[in-house]
Amino acid sequence: MSTLELRSIEKSFDQTQVIHGIDLEVKKGEFVVFVGPSGCGKSTLLRMIAGLDEPTAGDLLIEGLRVNNIGAADRGCAMVFQSYALYPHMTVFANMAFGLENARVPRPEIERKVQEAANLLQLNELLQRKPTQLSGGQRQRVAIGRAIVRNPKIFLFDEPLSNLDAELRVSMRGELRELHQRLAATMIYVTHDQVEAMTMADKIVVLRAGRIEQVGTPQALYDTPDNVFVAGFIGSPRMNFVPSSTASQDAAVRAALPPDAKQVGIRPEHWLASSEGLGLAISVLGSEYLGAQRLVLGRLSDGTRIEMLMEGATEPKAGEIVYMTPHPQRWHAFDATDRRIHRSHA
């Protein structure tokens, strides 16, 4: 059963349309990530699901019920904000209990629910502290705990890790994923960070300019992107794009290149060593040592800059010419409209 359905959802602010006919289905228990560049409409979409903004057109259904005219407090959604939105004068316990108290939940039930959430999030020793006495990661746990005690139908996360340092973001990603598995809850998560999307999501929704570019599992988006935008946005380091006229200088690519291909996409890890006269001649510009791997920066004959991931022990020198060929099953062809062209690997 679907927890959430969006049917032809549109949103305009004055004369500016920011969401253009979004159709989406989120199944019960899925961890869905909205990802895209700043201004693509992902937070606006989340706010409409939460009931904080009203769609200009279309239907929004939660568990089969149209909720367009139902207020945020009655939709069964709980939102975790980027800013945590904690009350600084209240204890952790009071922050987590606040929504339940407003709903006039009996005190014994409030204490039970807060204690259960504190156990789940390892906040037991912090319940009497104020938010100013907590680290960023602890504050985020409190904000999540405040959502958990409401037992919502859908958890909504609006870039909740963006204020944390890099190391803490990595650990919190794991904690959120583990929390999702424990609760078996439906979660929708907004981020501009495609690494977060790839590591956390059951399903990724890639947005651009208020439209869905592609929906799929992380692996599906990585292996079979629908277009140049998705191919370039998903994956780090990003995919290389080479004009087909240049890519066809590689004999193997030329033999398999679709006639309507305008450019070829090759991920940095999908380059293979070749020999002079067969692969592409690449002038090395420099490299970055990453430990097990080395990111090699280079330039093709037409001036296209590319990135290649090689074994860390490999160290081509700046100015050196190396010959490389794309992995025969892993490169992509795109047409003049930037759509990926399906090609046979036989």
C-alpha atoms as a PDB file:
ATOM      1  CA  MET A   1       0.000   0.000   0.000  1.00  0.00           C
ATOM      2  CA  SER A   2       1.179   3.517  -0.806  1.00  0.00           C
ATOM      3  CA  THR A   3       1.707   5.835   2.133  1.00  0.00           C
ATOM      4  CA  LEU A   4       1.930   8.885  -0.128  1.00  0.00           C
ATOM      5  CA  GLU A   5       0.764   9.795  -3.627  1.00  0.00           C
ATOM      6  CA  LEU A   6       1.356  13.031  -5.496  1.00  0.00           C
ATOM      7  CA  ARG A   7      -0.890  13.492  -8.527  1.00  0.00           C
ATOM      8  CA  SER A   8      -0.080  16.308 -10.973  1.00  0.00           C
ATOM      9  CA  ILE A   9       1.140  18.561  -8.149  1.00  0.00           C
ATOM     10  CA  GLU A  10       1.899  22.159  -9.146  1.00  0.00           C
ATOM     11  CA  LYS A  11       3.016  25.128  -7.095  1.00  0.00           C
ATOM     12  CA  SER A  12       3.258  28.796  -8.019  1.00  0.00           C
ATOM     13  CA  PHE A  13       4.346  31.794  -6.002  1.00  0.00           C
ATOM     14  CA  ASP A  14       2.603  34.835  -7.523  1.00  0.00           C
ATOM     15  CA  GLN A  15       3.305  34.465 -11.255  1.00  0.00           C
ATOM     16  CA  THR A  16       6.294  32.139 -10.860  1.00  0.00           C
ATOM     17  CA  GLN A  17       5.643  28.416 -11.200  1.00  0.00           C
ATOM     18  CA  VAL A  18       8.193  26.390  -9.232  1.00  0.00           C
ATOM     19  CA  ILE A  19       6.672  22.880  -9.310  1.00  0.00           C
ATOM     20  CA  HIS A  20       5.467  21.540 -12.661  1.00  0.00           C
ATOM     21  CA  GLY A  21       3.070  18.598 -12.556  1.00  0.00           C
ATOM     22  CA  ILE A  22       4.812  16.182 -10.166  1.00  0.00           C
ATOM     23  CA  ASP A  23       3.553  12.572 -10.067  1.00  0.00           C
ATOM     24  CA  LEU A  24       5.076  10.316  -7.415  1.00  0.00           C
ATOM     25  CA  GLU A  25       4.207   7.282  -5.303  1.00  0.00           C
ATOM     26  CA  VAL A  26       5.927   6.436  -2.005  1.00  0.00           C
ATOM     27  CA  LYS A  27       5.278   2.968  -0.630  1.00  0.00           C
ATOM     28  CA  LYS A  28       4.833   2.188   3.044  1.00  0.00           C
ATOM     29  CA  GLY A  29       8.192   1.820   4.803  1.00  0.00           C
ATOM     30  CA  GLU A  30      10.309   3.289   1.985  1.00  0.00           C
ATOM     31  CA  PHE A  31      13.237   5.641   2.568  1.00  0.00           C
ATOM     32  CA  VAL A  32      12.880   8.116  -0.295  1.00  0.00           C
ATOM     33  CA  VAL A  33      15.395  10.898  -0.932  1.00  0.00           C
ATOM     34  CA  PHE A  34      14.626  14.064  -2.922  1.00  0.00           C
ATOM     35  CA  VAL A  35      17.889  15.292  -4.416  1.00  0.00           C
ATOM     36  CA  GLY A  36      18.810  18.076  -6.783  1.00  0.00           C
ATOM     37  CA  PRO A  37      20.603  21.420  -7.022  1.00  0.00           C
ATOM     38  CA  SER A  38      19.555  24.485  -5.035  1.00  0.00           C
ATOM     39  CA  GLY A  39      16.280  25.918  -6.300  1.00  0.00           C
ATOM     40  CA  CYS A  40      15.035  22.677  -7.878  1.00  0.00           C
ATOM     41  CA  GLY A  41      11.900  22.604  -5.686  1.00  0.00           C
ATOM     42  CA  LYS A  42      12.720  19.741  -3.320  1.00  0.00           C
ATOM     43  CA  SER A  43      12.072  21.670  -0.089  1.00  0.00           C
ATOM     44  CA  THR A  44       8.904  23.223  -1.548  1.00  0.00           C
ATOM     45  CA  LEU A  45       7.664  19.725  -2.364  1.00  0.00           C
ATOM     46  CA  LEU A  46       8.430  18.572   1.183  1.00  0.00           C
ATOM     47  CA  ARG A  47       6.609  21.565   2.690  1.00  0.00           C
ATOM     48  CA  MET A  48       3.520  20.766   0.614  1.00  0.00           C
ATOM     49  CA  ILE A  49       3.566  17.164   1.864  1.00  0.00           C
ATOM     50  CA  ALA A  50       3.861  18.461   5.430  1.00  0.00           C
ATOM     51  CA  GLY A  51       0.975  20.885   4.932  1.00  0.00           C
ATOM     52  CA  LEU A  52       3.086  24.012   5.429  1.00  0.00           C
ATOM     53  CA  ASP A  53       2.449  25.107   1.823  1.00  0.00           C
ATOM     54  CA  GLU A  54      -0.663  24.440  -0.254  1.00  0.00           C
ATOM     55  CA  PRO A  55      -0.424  23.048  -3.821  1.00  0.00           C
ATOM     56  CA  THR A  56      -1.655  25.375  -6.567  1.00  0.00           C
ATOM     57  CA  ALA A  57      -3.036  22.353  -8.433  1.00  0.00           C
ATOM     58  CA  GLY A  58      -3.125  18.574  -8.132  1.00  0.00           C
ATOM     59  CA  ASP A  59      -3.949  16.072  -5.400  1.00  0.00           C
ATOM     60  CA  LEU A  60      -1.896  14.977  -2.422  1.00  0.00           C
ATOM     61  CA  LEU A  61      -2.956  11.699  -0.792  1.00  0.00           C
ATOM     62  CA  ILE A  62      -1.732  10.123   2.461  1.00  0.00           C
ATOM     63  CA  GLU A  63      -2.824   6.511   2.949  1.00  0.00           C
ATOM     64  CA  GLY A  64      -5.424   7.015   0.212  1.00  0.00           C
ATOM     65  CA  LEU A  65      -6.981  10.130   1.766  1.00  0.00           C
ATOM     66  CA  ARG A  66      -6.806  13.458  -0.075  1.00  0.00           C
ATOM     67  CA  VAL A  67      -5.194  15.876   2.376  1.00  0.00           C
ATOM     68  CA  ASN A  68      -4.986  19.110   0.366  1.00  0.00           C
ATOM     69  CA  ASN A  69      -7.407  20.805   2.770  1.00  0.00           C
ATOM     70  CA  ILE A  70      -6.198  19.085   5.946  1.00  0.00           C
ATOM     71  CA  GLY A  71      -3.925  21.147   8.199  1.00  0.00           C
ATOM     72  CA  ALA A  72      -0.333  20.228   8.987  1.00  0.00           C
ATOM     73  CA  ALA A  73      -1.145  19.163  12.562  1.00  0.00           C
ATOM     74  CA  ASP A  74      -3.692  16.586  11.391  1.00  0.00           C
ATOM     75  CA  ARG A  75      -1.829  14.934   8.497  1.00  0.00           C
ATOM     76  CA  GLY A  76       0.203  12.489  10.549  1.00  0.00           C
ATOM     77  CA  CYS A  77       3.547  13.829   9.310  1.00  0.00           C
ATOM     78  CA  ALA A  78       6.481  14.837  11.511  1.00  0.00           C
ATOM     79  CA  MET A  79       9.141  17.171  10.135  1.00  0.00           C
ATOM     80  CA  VAL A  80      12.783  17.465  11.189  1.00  0.00           C
ATOM     81  CA  PHE A  81      14.313  20.785  10.147  1.00  0.00           C
ATOM     82  CA  GLN A  82      17.845  21.770   9.209  1.00  0.00           C
ATOM     83  CA  SER A  83      17.900  24.252  12.117  1.00  0.00           C
ATOM     84  CA  TYR A  84      16.711  21.636  14.705  1.00  0.00           C
ATOM     85  CA  ALA A  85      14.054  24.178  15.900  1.00  0.00           C
ATOM     86  CA  LEU A  86      14.528  23.298  19.579  1.00  0.00           C
ATOM     87  CA  TYR A  87      13.322  25.525  22.423  1.00  0.00           C
ATOM     88  CA  PRO A  88      16.535  26.734  24.134  1.00  0.00           C
ATOM     89  CA  HIS A  89      14.890  27.336  27.534  1.00  0.00           C
ATOM     90  CA  MET A  90      13.476  23.795  27.737  1.00  0.00           C
ATOM     91  CA  THR A  91      15.197  20.554  28.697  1.00  0.00           C
ATOM     92  CA  VAL A  92      15.648  17.735  26.207  1.00  0.00           C
ATOM     93  CA  PHE A  93      12.736  15.936  27.862  1.00  0.00           C
ATOM     94  CA  ALA A  94      10.494  19.006  27.606  1.00  0.00           C
ATOM     95  CA  ASN A  95      11.414  19.560  23.945  1.00  0.00           C
ATOM     96  CA  MET A  96      10.537  15.979  23.090  1.00  0.00           C
ATOM     97  CA  ALA A  97       7.324  16.068  25.122  1.00  0.00           C
ATOM     98  CA  PHE A  98       6.093  19.475  23.888  1.00  0.00           C
ATOM     99  CA  GLY A  99       3.945  18.289  20.985  1.00  0.00           C
ATOM    100  CA  LEU A 100       2.359  15.528  23.068  1.00  0.00           C
ATOM    101  CA  GLU A 101       1.523  17.975  25.855  1.00  0.00           C
ATOM    102  CA  ASN A 102      -0.168  20.302  23.360  1.00  0.00           C
ATOM    103  CA  ALA A 103      -2.208  17.322  22.158  1.00  0.00           C
ATOM    104  CA  ARG A 104      -3.213  16.685  25.796  1.00  0.00           C
ATOM    105  CA  VAL A 105      -1.708  13.200  25.870  1.00  0.00           C
ATOM    106  CA  PRO A 106      -1.825  11.776  29.424  1.00  0.00           C
ATOM    107  CA  ARG A 107       1.378  12.346  31.415  1.00  0.00           C
ATOM    108  CA  PRO A 108       2.219   8.635  31.932  1.00  0.00           C
ATOM    109  CA  GLU A 109       1.987   8.056  28.174  1.00  0.00           C
ATOM    110  CA  ILE A 110       4.176  11.103  27.465  1.00  0.00           C
ATOM    111  CA  GLU A 111       6.845   9.808  29.835  1.00  0.00           C
ATOM    112  CA  ARG A 112       6.701   6.344  28.280  1.00  0.00           C
ATOM    113  CA  LYS A 113       6.981   7.649  24.729  1.00  0.00           C
ATOM    114  CA  VAL A 114       9.818  10.055  25.512  1.00  0.00           C
ATOM    115  CA  GLN A 115      11.721   7.345  27.384  1.00  0.00           C
ATOM    116  CA  GLU A 116      11.299   4.890  24.488  1.00  0.00           C
ATOM    117  CA  ALA A 117      12.592   7.463  22.007  1.00  0.00           C
ATOM    118  CA  ALA A 118      15.478   8.386  24.313  1.00  0.00           C
ATOM    119  CA  ASN A 119      16.447   4.712  24.569  1.00  0.00           C
ATOM    120  CA  LEU A 120      16.347   4.357  20.790  1.00  0.00           C
ATOM    121  CA  LEU A 121      18.474   7.472  20.227  1.00  0.00           C
ATOM    122  CA  GLN A 122      20.822   7.043  23.215  1.00  0.00           C
ATOM    123  CA  LEU A 123      19.625  10.255  24.855  1.00  0.00           C
ATOM    124  CA  ASN A 124      18.894   8.807  28.313  1.00  0.00           C
ATOM    125  CA  GLU A 125      21.733  10.676  30.029  1.00  0.00           C
ATOM    126  CA  LEU A 126      20.824  13.978  28.371  1.00  0.00           C
ATOM    127  CA  LEU A 127      17.121  14.348  29.171  1.00  0.00           C
ATOM    128  CA  GLN A 128      17.644  17.098  31.781  1.00  0.00           C
ATOM    129  CA  ARG A 129      20.108  19.142  29.723  1.00  0.00           C
ATOM    130  CA  LYS A 130      19.264  22.249  27.702  1.00  0.00           C
ATOM    131  CA  PRO A 131      19.971  22.380  23.946  1.00  0.00           C
ATOM    132  CA  THR A 132      22.882  24.790  24.490  1.00  0.00           C
ATOM    133  CA  GLN A 133      24.638  22.035  26.456  1.00  0.00           C
ATOM    134  CA  LEU A 134      24.477  19.598  23.530  1.00  0.00           C
ATOM    135  CA  SER A 135      26.636  18.997  20.473  1.00  0.00           C
ATOM    136  CA  GLY A 136      25.203  19.400  16.985  1.00  0.00           C
ATOM    137  CA  GLY A 137      24.709  15.672  16.608  1.00  0.00           C
ATOM    138  CA  GLN A 138      22.947  15.435  19.977  1.00  0.00           C
ATOM    139  CA  ARG A 139      20.627  18.322  19.070  1.00  0.00           C
ATOM    140  CA  GLN A 140      19.731  16.570  15.835  1.00  0.00           C
ATOM    141  CA  ARG A 141      18.903  13.392  17.783  1.00  0.00           C
ATOM    142  CA  VAL A 142      16.593  15.413  20.026  1.00  0.00           C
ATOM    143  CA  ALA A 143      14.826  16.860  16.972  1.00  0.00           C
ATOM    144  CA  ILE A 144      14.410  13.336  15.596  1.00  0.00           C
ATOM    145  CA  GLY A 145      13.187  12.121  18.998  1.00  0.00           C
ATOM    146  CA  ARG A 146      10.556  14.843  19.039  1.00  0.00           C
ATOM    147  CA  ALA A 147       9.302  13.430  15.724  1.00  0.00           C
ATOM    148  CA  ILE A 148       9.428   9.796  16.876  1.00  0.00           C
ATOM    149  CA  VAL A 149       7.226  10.325  19.944  1.00  0.00           C
ATOM    150  CA  ARG A 150       4.392  11.432  17.657  1.00  0.00           C
ATOM    151  CA  ASN A 151       4.422   8.047  15.896  1.00  0.00           C
ATOM    152  CA  PRO A 152       3.828   9.716  12.513  1.00  0.00           C
ATOM    153  CA  LYS A 153       2.715   8.084   9.281  1.00  0.00           C
ATOM    154  CA  ILE A 154       5.572   9.836   7.460  1.00  0.00           C
ATOM    155  CA  PHE A 155       8.865  11.297   8.702  1.00  0.00           C
ATOM    156  CA  LEU A 156       9.992  14.348   6.712  1.00  0.00           C
ATOM    157  CA  PHE A 157      13.642  15.459   6.873  1.00  0.00           C
ATOM    158  CA  ASP A 158      14.696  18.809   5.370  1.00  0.00           C
ATOM    159  CA  GLU A 159      18.500  18.713   4.965  1.00  0.00           C
ATOM    160  CA  PRO A 160      18.901  17.664   8.621  1.00  0.00           C
ATOM    161  CA  LEU A 161      22.662  17.044   8.480  1.00  0.00           C
ATOM    162  CA  SER A 162      23.824  20.142   6.609  1.00  0.00           C
ATOM    163  CA  ASN A 163      24.865  21.983   9.800  1.00  0.00           C
ATOM    164  CA  LEU A 164      27.104  19.133  10.989  1.00  0.00           C
ATOM    165  CA  ASP A 165      30.799  18.689  10.239  1.00  0.00           C
ATOM    166  CA  ALA A 166      31.855  16.128   7.628  1.00  0.00           C
ATOM    167  CA  GLU A 167      32.779  13.321  10.046  1.00  0.00           C
ATOM    168  CA  LEU A 168      29.569  13.681  12.052  1.00  0.00           C
ATOM    169  CA  ARG A 169      27.477  13.744   8.872  1.00  0.00           C
ATOM    170  CA  VAL A 170      28.882  10.352   7.900  1.00  0.00           C
ATOM    171  CA  SER A 171      28.083   8.787  11.279  1.00  0.00           C
ATOM    172  CA  MET A 172      24.613  10.376  11.407  1.00  0.00           C
ATOM    173  CA  ARG A 173      23.817   8.982   7.947  1.00  0.00           C
ATOM    174  CA  GLY A 174      24.412   5.519   9.331  1.00  0.00           C
ATOM    175  CA  GLU A 175      22.344   6.239  12.429  1.00  0.00           C
ATOM    176  CA  LEU A 176      19.397   7.499  10.387  1.00  0.00           C
ATOM    177  CA  ARG A 177      19.528   4.469   8.122  1.00  0.00           C
ATOM    178  CA  GLU A 178      19.615   2.159  11.157  1.00  0.00           C
ATOM    179  CA  LEU A 179      16.720   4.096  12.711  1.00  0.00           C
ATOM    180  CA  HIS A 180      14.695   3.598   9.542  1.00  0.00           C
ATOM    181  CA  GLN A 181      15.288  -0.143   9.686  1.00  0.00           C
ATOM    182  CA  ARG A 182      14.297  -0.327  13.351  1.00  0.00           C
ATOM    183  CA  LEU A 183      11.120   1.706  12.960  1.00  0.00           C
ATOM    184  CA  ALA A 184      10.170   0.309   9.512  1.00  0.00           C
ATOM    185  CA  ALA A 185       8.799   3.815   8.950  1.00  0.00           C
ATOM    186  CA  THR A 186       8.131   5.795   5.784  1.00  0.00           C
ATOM    187  CA  MET A 187      10.776   8.513   5.503  1.00  0.00           C
ATOM    188  CA  ILE A 188      11.224  11.301   2.954  1.00  0.00           C
ATOM    189  CA  TYR A 189      14.557  13.076   3.083  1.00  0.00           C
ATOM    190  CA  VAL A 190      15.642  16.221   1.239  1.00  0.00           C
ATOM    191  CA  THR A 191      19.285  16.918   0.406  1.00  0.00           C
ATOM    192  CA  HIS A 192      21.445  18.562  -2.262  1.00  0.00           C
ATOM    193  CA  ASP A 193      24.230  16.083  -1.429  1.00  0.00           C
ATOM    194  CA  GLN A 194      24.107  13.169  -3.870  1.00  0.00           C
ATOM    195  CA  VAL A 195      26.446  11.108  -1.646  1.00  0.00           C
ATOM    196  CA  GLU A 196      23.815  11.267   1.116  1.00  0.00           C
ATOM    197  CA  ALA A 197      21.186  10.227  -1.400  1.00  0.00           C
ATOM    198  CA  MET A 198      23.243   7.292  -2.697  1.00  0.00           C
ATOM    199  CA  THR A 199      24.140   5.929   0.740  1.00  0.00           C
ATOM    200  CA  MET A 200      20.749   6.293   2.444  1.00  0.00           C
ATOM    201  CA  ALA A 201      17.911   5.881  -0.039  1.00  0.00           C
ATOM    202  CA  ASP A 202      15.774   2.942  -1.052  1.00  0.00           C
ATOM    203  CA  LYS A 203      14.564   5.211  -3.848  1.00  0.00           C
ATOM    204  CA  ILE A 204      15.973   8.489  -5.160  1.00  0.00           C
ATOM    205  CA  VAL A 205      13.896  11.227  -6.808  1.00  0.00           C
ATOM    206  CA  VAL A 206      16.146  13.497  -8.886  1.00  0.00           C
ATOM    207  CA  LEU A 207      14.644  16.963  -9.352  1.00  0.00           C
ATOM    208  CA  ARG A 208      15.573  19.843 -11.621  1.00  0.00           C
ATOM    209  CA  ALA A 209      13.692  23.125 -12.048  1.00  0.00           C
ATOM    210  CA  GLY A 210      10.534  21.773 -10.417  1.00  0.00           C
ATOM    211  CA  ARG A 211      10.350  18.603 -12.492  1.00  0.00           C
ATOM    212  CA  ILE A 212      11.304  14.985 -11.836  1.00  0.00           C
ATOM    213  CA  GLU A 213      14.205  13.909 -14.030  1.00  0.00           C
ATOM    214  CA  GLN A 214      14.326  10.283 -12.850  1.00  0.00           C
ATOM    215  CA  VAL A 215      13.127   8.024 -10.037  1.00  0.00           C
ATOM    216  CA  GLY A 216      14.886   4.796  -9.105  1.00  0.00           C
ATOM    217  CA  THR A 217      17.187   2.923  -6.773  1.00  0.00           C
ATOM    218  CA  PRO A 218      20.685   4.357  -6.255  1.00  0.00           C
ATOM    219  CA  GLN A 219      22.159   1.597  -8.413  1.00  0.00           C
ATOM    220  CA  ALA A 220      19.625   2.106 -11.208  1.00  0.00           C
ATOM    221  CA  LEU A 221      20.367   5.835 -11.364  1.00  0.00           C
ATOM    222  CA  TYR A 222      24.106   5.193 -11.283  1.00  0.00           C
ATOM    223  CA  ASP A 223      24.146   2.405 -13.875  1.00  0.00           C
ATOM    224  CA  THR A 224      21.367   3.582 -16.214  1.00  0.00           C
ATOM    225  CA  PRO A 225      20.842   7.358 -15.930  1.00  0.00           C
ATOM    226  CA  ASP A 226      18.057   8.611 -18.188  1.00  0.00           C
ATOM    227  CA  ASN A 227      19.881  11.728 -19.320  1.00  0.00           C
ATOM    228  CA  VAL A 228      23.018  13.852 -19.072  1.00  0.00           C
ATOM    229  CA  PHE A 229      21.743  15.773 -16.030  1.00  0.00           C
ATOM    230  CA  VAL A 230      21.162  12.649 -13.921  1.00  0.00           C
ATOM    231  CA  ALA A 231      24.393  11.065 -15.175  1.00  0.00           C
ATOM    232  CA  GLY A 232      26.378  14.129 -14.140  1.00  0.00           C
ATOM    233  CA  PHE A 233      24.589  14.723 -10.856  1.00  0.00           C
ATOM    234  CA  ILE A 234      24.695  11.170  -9.484  1.00  0.00           C
ATOM    235  CA  GLY A 235      28.194   9.875  -8.746  1.00  0.00           C
ATOM    236  CA  SER A 236      31.312  11.369  -7.175  1.00  0.00           C
ATOM    237  CA  PRO A 237      33.648  12.219  -8.825  1.00  0.00           C
ATOM    238  CA  ARG A 238      31.171  13.145 -11.534  1.00  0.00           C
ATOM    239  CA  MET A 239      30.905  11.471 -14.920  1.00  0.00           C
ATOM    240  CA  ASN A 240      33.133  12.660 -17.781  1.00  0.00           C
ATOM    241  CA  PHE A 241      31.384  13.807 -20.965  1.00  0.00           C
ATOM    242  CA  VAL A 242      33.322  13.537 -24.213  1.00  0.00           C
ATOM    243  CA  PRO A 243      32.098  14.671 -27.670  1.00  0.00           C
ATOM    244  CA  SER A 244      31.374  11.612 -29.809  1.00  0.00           C
ATOM    245  CA  SER A 245      33.783  12.875 -32.502  1.00  0.00           C
ATOM    246  CA  THR A 246      36.607  12.710 -29.954  1.00  0.00           C
ATOM    247  CA  ALA A 247      35.476   9.490 -28.274  1.00  0.00           C
ATOM    248  CA  SER A 248      35.333   7.758 -31.676  1.00  0.00           C
ATOM    249  CA  GLN A 249      39.117   8.141 -31.953  1.00  0.00           C
ATOM    250  CA  ASP A 250      39.095   5.073 -29.692  1.00  0.00           C
ATOM    251  CA  ALA A 251      38.704   2.076 -32.021  1.00  0.00           C
ATOM    252  CA  ALA A 252      36.500   0.085 -29.626  1.00  0.00           C
ATOM    253  CA  VAL A 253      34.180   3.017 -28.972  1.00  0.00           C
ATOM    254  CA  ARG A 254      33.952   3.821 -32.688  1.00  0.00           C
ATOM    255  CA  ALA A 255      32.824   0.272 -33.463  1.00  0.00           C
ATOM    256  CA  ALA A 256      29.989   0.402 -30.899  1.00  0.00           C
ATOM    257  CA  LEU A 257      28.973   4.072 -31.098  1.00  0.00           C
ATOM    258  CA  PRO A 258      25.284   4.584 -32.008  1.00  0.00           C
ATOM    259  CA  PRO A 259      24.916   6.782 -35.123  1.00  0.00           C
ATOM    260  CA  ASP A 260      22.833   9.419 -33.306  1.00  0.00           C
ATOM    261  CA  ALA A 261      25.248   9.788 -30.353  1.00  0.00           C
ATOM    262  CA  LYS A 262      26.464  13.328 -29.695  1.00  0.00           C
ATOM    263  CA  GLN A 263      28.498  12.666 -26.575  1.00  0.00           C
ATOM    264  CA  VAL A 264      29.854   9.778 -24.545  1.00  0.00           C
ATOM    265  CA  GLY A 265      29.763   9.526 -20.744  1.00  0.00           C
ATOM    266  CA  ILE A 266      32.515   7.693 -18.855  1.00  0.00           C
ATOM    267  CA  ARG A 267      32.718   7.491 -15.082  1.00  0.00           C
ATOM    268  CA  PRO A 268      36.184   8.122 -13.605  1.00  0.00           C
ATOM    269  CA  GLU A 269      36.490   4.507 -12.382  1.00  0.00           C
ATOM    270  CA  HIS A 270      35.589   3.038 -15.786  1.00  0.00           C
ATOM    271  CA  TRP A 271      38.794   3.880 -17.666  1.00  0.00           C
ATOM    272  CA  LEU A 272      41.095   1.010 -18.634  1.00  0.00           C
ATOM    273  CA  ALA A 273      44.746   1.196 -19.693  1.00  0.00           C
ATOM    274  CA  SER A 274      45.208   0.871 -23.460  1.00  0.00           C
ATOM    275  CA  SER A 275      48.016   1.177 -25.977  1.00  0.00           C
ATOM    276  CA  GLU A 276      49.018   3.866 -28.433  1.00  0.00           C
ATOM    277  CA  GLY A 277      46.844   3.844 -31.524  1.00  0.00           C
ATOM    278  CA  LEU A 278      43.937   2.040 -29.863  1.00  0.00           C
ATOM    279  CA  GLY A 279      42.793   4.107 -26.879  1.00  0.00           C
ATOM    280  CA  LEU A 280      42.456   7.863 -26.357  1.00  0.00           C
ATOM    281  CA  ALA A 281      45.596   9.923 -25.852  1.00  0.00           C
ATOM    282  CA  ILE A 282      45.283  11.822 -22.560  1.00  0.00           C
ATOM    283  CA  SER A 283      47.689  14.510 -21.436  1.00  0.00           C
ATOM    284  CA  VAL A 284      48.097  14.295 -17.660  1.00  0.00           C
ATOM    285  CA  LEU A 285      47.572  17.595 -15.818  1.00  0.00           C
ATOM    286  CA  GLY A 286      48.125  16.288 -12.293  1.00  0.00           C
ATOM    287  CA  SER A 287      46.749  13.893  -9.713  1.00  0.00           C
ATOM    288  CA  GLU A 288      45.346  13.723  -6.194  1.00  0.00           C
ATOM    289  CA  TYR A 289      46.408  10.887  -3.892  1.00  0.00           C
ATOM    290  CA  LEU A 290      43.395   9.388  -2.100  1.00  0.00           C
ATOM    291  CA  GLY A 291      45.051   6.339  -0.518  1.00  0.00           C
ATOM    292  CA  ALA A 292      43.759   3.211  -2.234  1.00  0.00           C
ATOM    293  CA  GLN A 293      43.019   5.308  -5.332  1.00  0.00           C
ATOM    294  CA  ARG A 294      44.460   8.271  -7.169  1.00  0.00           C
ATOM    295  CA  LEU A 295      42.310  10.815  -9.001  1.00  0.00           C
ATOM    296  CA  VAL A 296      44.165  11.685 -12.201  1.00  0.00           C
ATOM    297  CA  LEU A 297      43.260  14.897 -14.024  1.00  0.00           C
ATOM    298  CA  GLY A 298      43.837  14.996 -17.760  1.00  0.00           C
ATOM    299  CA  ARG A 299      42.985  16.653 -21.063  1.00  0.00           C
ATOM    300  CA  LEU A 300      41.957  15.083 -24.381  1.00  0.00           C
ATOM    301  CA  SER A 301      43.094  16.255 -27.805  1.00  0.00           C
ATOM    302  CA  ASP A 302      40.049  18.523 -28.197  1.00  0.00           C
ATOM    303  CA  GLY A 303      40.681  20.210 -24.843  1.00  0.00           C
ATOM    304  CA  THR A 304      38.029  18.279 -22.885  1.00  0.00           C
ATOM    305  CA  ARG A 305      39.117  17.906 -19.256  1.00  0.00           C
ATOM    306  CA  ILE A 306      38.566  14.502 -17.722  1.00  0.00           C
ATOM    307  CA  GLU A 307      39.069  12.694 -14.412  1.00  0.00           C
ATOM    308  CA  MET A 308      40.206   9.094 -13.980  1.00  0.00           C
ATOM    309  CA  LEU A 309      40.395   6.945 -10.853  1.00  0.00           C
ATOM    310  CA  MET A 310      43.457   4.689 -10.818  1.00  0.00           C
ATOM    311  CA  GLU A 311      45.158   2.521  -8.229  1.00  0.00           C
ATOM    312  CA  GLY A 312      46.813   4.652  -5.578  1.00  0.00           C
ATOM    313  CA  ALA A 313      50.272   3.272  -6.372  1.00  0.00           C
ATOM    314  CA  THR A 314      49.965   4.518  -9.973  1.00  0.00           C
ATOM    315  CA  GLU A 315      51.444   7.999 -10.332  1.00  0.00           C
ATOM    316  CA  PRO A 316      51.488   9.427 -13.852  1.00  0.00           C
ATOM    317  CA  LYS A 317      53.424  12.685 -14.039  1.00  0.00           C
ATOM    318  CA  ALA A 318      52.089  16.021 -15.247  1.00  0.00           C
ATOM    319  CA  GLY A 319      52.772  16.352 -18.983  1.00  0.00           C
ATOM    320  CA  GLU A 320      52.899  12.586 -19.510  1.00  0.00           C
ATOM    321  CA  ILE A 321      50.697  11.083 -22.248  1.00  0.00           C
ATOM    322  CA  VAL A 322      48.694   8.011 -21.217  1.00  0.00           C
ATOM    323  CA  TYR A 323      46.446   5.904 -23.429  1.00  0.00           C
ATOM    324  CA  MET A 324      43.108   4.900 -21.951  1.00  0.00           C
ATOM    325  CA  THR A 325      39.901   3.288 -23.211  1.00  0.00           C
ATOM    326  CA  PRO A 326      36.438   3.252 -21.606  1.00  0.00           C
ATOM    327  CA  HIS A 327      35.304  -0.060 -20.116  1.00  0.00           C
ATOM    328  CA  PRO A 328      33.356  -1.631 -23.023  1.00  0.00           C
ATOM    329  CA  GLN A 329      30.210  -2.341 -20.962  1.00  0.00           C
ATOM    330  CA  ARG A 330      30.246   0.785 -18.798  1.00  0.00           C
ATOM    331  CA  TRP A 331      30.288   3.838 -21.062  1.00  0.00           C
ATOM    332  CA  HIS A 332      27.105   5.684 -22.048  1.00  0.00           C
ATOM    333  CA  ALA A 333      25.966   7.363 -25.252  1.00  0.00           C
ATOM    334  CA  PHE A 334      23.724  10.450 -25.250  1.00  0.00           C
ATOM    335  CA  ASP A 335      21.826  11.999 -28.158  1.00  0.00           C
ATOM    336  CA  ALA A 336      21.349  15.639 -29.180  1.00  0.00           C
ATOM    337  CA  THR A 337      18.527  16.043 -26.611  1.00  0.00           C
ATOM    338  CA  ASP A 338      20.821  14.728 -23.814  1.00  0.00           C
ATOM    339  CA  ARG A 339      18.836  11.473 -23.504  1.00  0.00           C
ATOM    340  CA  ARG A 340      20.766   8.262 -22.926  1.00  0.00           C
ATOM    341  CA  ILE A 341      20.760   5.901 -25.908  1.00  0.00           C
ATOM    342  CA  HIS A 342      20.245   2.235 -25.107  1.00  0.00           C
ATOM    343  CA  ARG A 343      23.000   0.209 -26.756  1.00  0.00           C
ATOM    344  CA  SER A 344      23.588  -3.535 -26.991  1.00  0.00           C
ATOM    345  CA  HIS A 345      26.694  -4.893 -25.266  1.00  0.00           C
ATOM    346  CA  ALA A 346      26.663  -8.117 -27.293  1.00  0.00           C
END
